[in-house]
Amino acid sequence: MPKLKTNRAAAKRFRKTAKGFKRAQSHRRHILTKKPSKRKRQLRAPSMVAKQDLVRLEQLLPNH
């Protein structure tokens, strides 16, 4: 049986934690001058992956 391969794109986007996987928020890359400070501040905090997506993420990251 072949080795299980990690999806490298997913490995760069998600980090395994004790409670699941954390992910970064979108909309923080460019055109930041027109966005309010409150919105940028709230986008700073990492979010957790939804429980509906955990099965797919565990398939993409079998070794994590």
C-alpha atoms as a PDB file:
ATOM      1  CA  MET A   1       0.000   0.000   0.000  1.00  0.00           C
ATOM      2  CA  PRO A   2       1.416   3.434  -0.911  1.00  0.00           C
ATOM      3  CA  LYS A   3       2.198   6.114   1.615  1.00  0.00           C
ATOM      4  CA  LEU A   4      -0.463   8.670   2.487  1.00  0.00           C
ATOM      5  CA  LYS A   5       0.444  12.022   0.993  1.00  0.00           C
ATOM      6  CA  THR A   6      -0.327  15.355   2.604  1.00  0.00           C
ATOM      7  CA  ASN A   7      -1.989  17.954   0.405  1.00  0.00           C
ATOM      8  CA  ARG A   8       0.652  20.692   0.487  1.00  0.00           C
ATOM      9  CA  ALA A   9      -1.788  23.517  -0.330  1.00  0.00           C
ATOM     10  CA  ALA A  10      -3.940  22.574   2.667  1.00  0.00           C
ATOM     11  CA  ALA A  11      -0.885  22.186   4.902  1.00  0.00           C
ATOM     12  CA  LYS A  12       0.065  25.797   4.225  1.00  0.00           C
ATOM     13  CA  ARG A  13      -3.438  27.103   5.008  1.00  0.00           C
ATOM     14  CA  PHE A  14      -4.412  25.168   8.144  1.00  0.00           C
ATOM     15  CA  ARG A  15      -2.718  24.407  11.457  1.00  0.00           C
ATOM     16  CA  LYS A  16      -3.707  21.572  13.778  1.00  0.00           C
ATOM     17  CA  THR A  17      -4.616  22.564  17.345  1.00  0.00           C
ATOM     18  CA  ALA A  18      -5.981  20.642  20.312  1.00  0.00           C
ATOM     19  CA  LYS A  19      -9.552  21.637  19.423  1.00  0.00           C
ATOM     20  CA  GLY A  20      -9.348  21.119  15.652  1.00  0.00           C
ATOM     21  CA  PHE A  21      -7.839  23.159  12.834  1.00  0.00           C
ATOM     22  CA  LYS A  22      -7.352  26.906  12.790  1.00  0.00           C
ATOM     23  CA  ARG A  23      -7.423  28.998   9.635  1.00  0.00           C
ATOM     24  CA  ALA A  24      -6.744  32.588   8.644  1.00  0.00           C
ATOM     25  CA  GLN A  25      -9.488  35.012   7.676  1.00  0.00           C
ATOM     26  CA  SER A  26      -9.812  36.342   4.153  1.00  0.00           C
ATOM     27  CA  HIS A  27      -9.938  40.031   3.085  1.00  0.00           C
ATOM     28  CA  ARG A  28      -6.723  41.054   4.848  1.00  0.00           C
ATOM     29  CA  ARG A  29      -4.290  41.073   1.900  1.00  0.00           C
ATOM     30  CA  HIS A  30      -4.794  44.324   0.024  1.00  0.00           C
ATOM     31  CA  ILE A  31      -7.051  47.405  -0.362  1.00  0.00           C
ATOM     32  CA  LEU A  32      -6.875  47.927   3.396  1.00  0.00           C
ATOM     33  CA  THR A  33      -7.145  51.731   3.350  1.00  0.00           C
ATOM     34  CA  LYS A  34     -10.888  51.771   2.741  1.00  0.00           C
ATOM     35  CA  LYS A  35     -11.687  49.135   5.380  1.00  0.00           C
ATOM     36  CA  PRO A  36     -12.527  50.315   8.893  1.00  0.00           C
ATOM     37  CA  SER A  37     -10.073  49.638  11.695  1.00  0.00           C
ATOM     38  CA  LYS A  38     -12.680  47.584  13.520  1.00  0.00           C
ATOM     39  CA  ARG A  39     -13.061  45.227  10.584  1.00  0.00           C
ATOM     40  CA  LYS A  40      -9.297  44.828  10.138  1.00  0.00           C
ATOM     41  CA  ARG A  41      -8.862  44.196  13.848  1.00  0.00           C
ATOM     42  CA  GLN A  42     -11.546  41.500  13.854  1.00  0.00           C
ATOM     43  CA  LEU A  43      -9.993  39.816  10.811  1.00  0.00           C
ATOM     44  CA  ARG A  44      -6.679  39.518  12.660  1.00  0.00           C
ATOM     45  CA  ALA A  45      -7.794  36.707  14.954  1.00  0.00           C
ATOM     46  CA  PRO A  46      -7.563  33.163  13.566  1.00  0.00           C
ATOM     47  CA  SER A  47     -10.815  31.254  13.145  1.00  0.00           C
ATOM     48  CA  MET A  48     -11.535  27.592  13.616  1.00  0.00           C
ATOM     49  CA  VAL A  49     -12.575  25.374  10.717  1.00  0.00           C
ATOM     50  CA  ALA A  50     -16.277  24.490  10.754  1.00  0.00           C
ATOM     51  CA  LYS A  51     -17.122  20.998  11.984  1.00  0.00           C
ATOM     52  CA  GLN A  52     -18.778  20.182   8.631  1.00  0.00           C
ATOM     53  CA  ASP A  53     -15.386  20.564   6.909  1.00  0.00           C
ATOM     54  CA  LEU A  54     -13.318  18.527   9.373  1.00  0.00           C
ATOM     55  CA  VAL A  55     -13.825  15.189   7.573  1.00  0.00           C
ATOM     56  CA  ARG A  56     -12.538  16.613   4.290  1.00  0.00           C
ATOM     57  CA  LEU A  57      -9.646  18.344   6.017  1.00  0.00           C
ATOM     58  CA  GLU A  58      -8.567  15.143   7.756  1.00  0.00           C
ATOM     59  CA  GLN A  59      -8.425  13.470   4.344  1.00  0.00           C
ATOM     60  CA  LEU A  60      -6.240  16.271   2.983  1.00  0.00           C
ATOM     61  CA  LEU A  61      -3.966  16.242   6.042  1.00  0.00           C
ATOM     62  CA  PRO A  62      -3.690  12.579   7.081  1.00  0.00           C
ATOM     63  CA  ASN A  63      -0.374  12.983   8.908  1.00  0.00           C
ATOM     64  CA  HIS A  64      -1.368  15.932  11.105  1.00  0.00           C
END
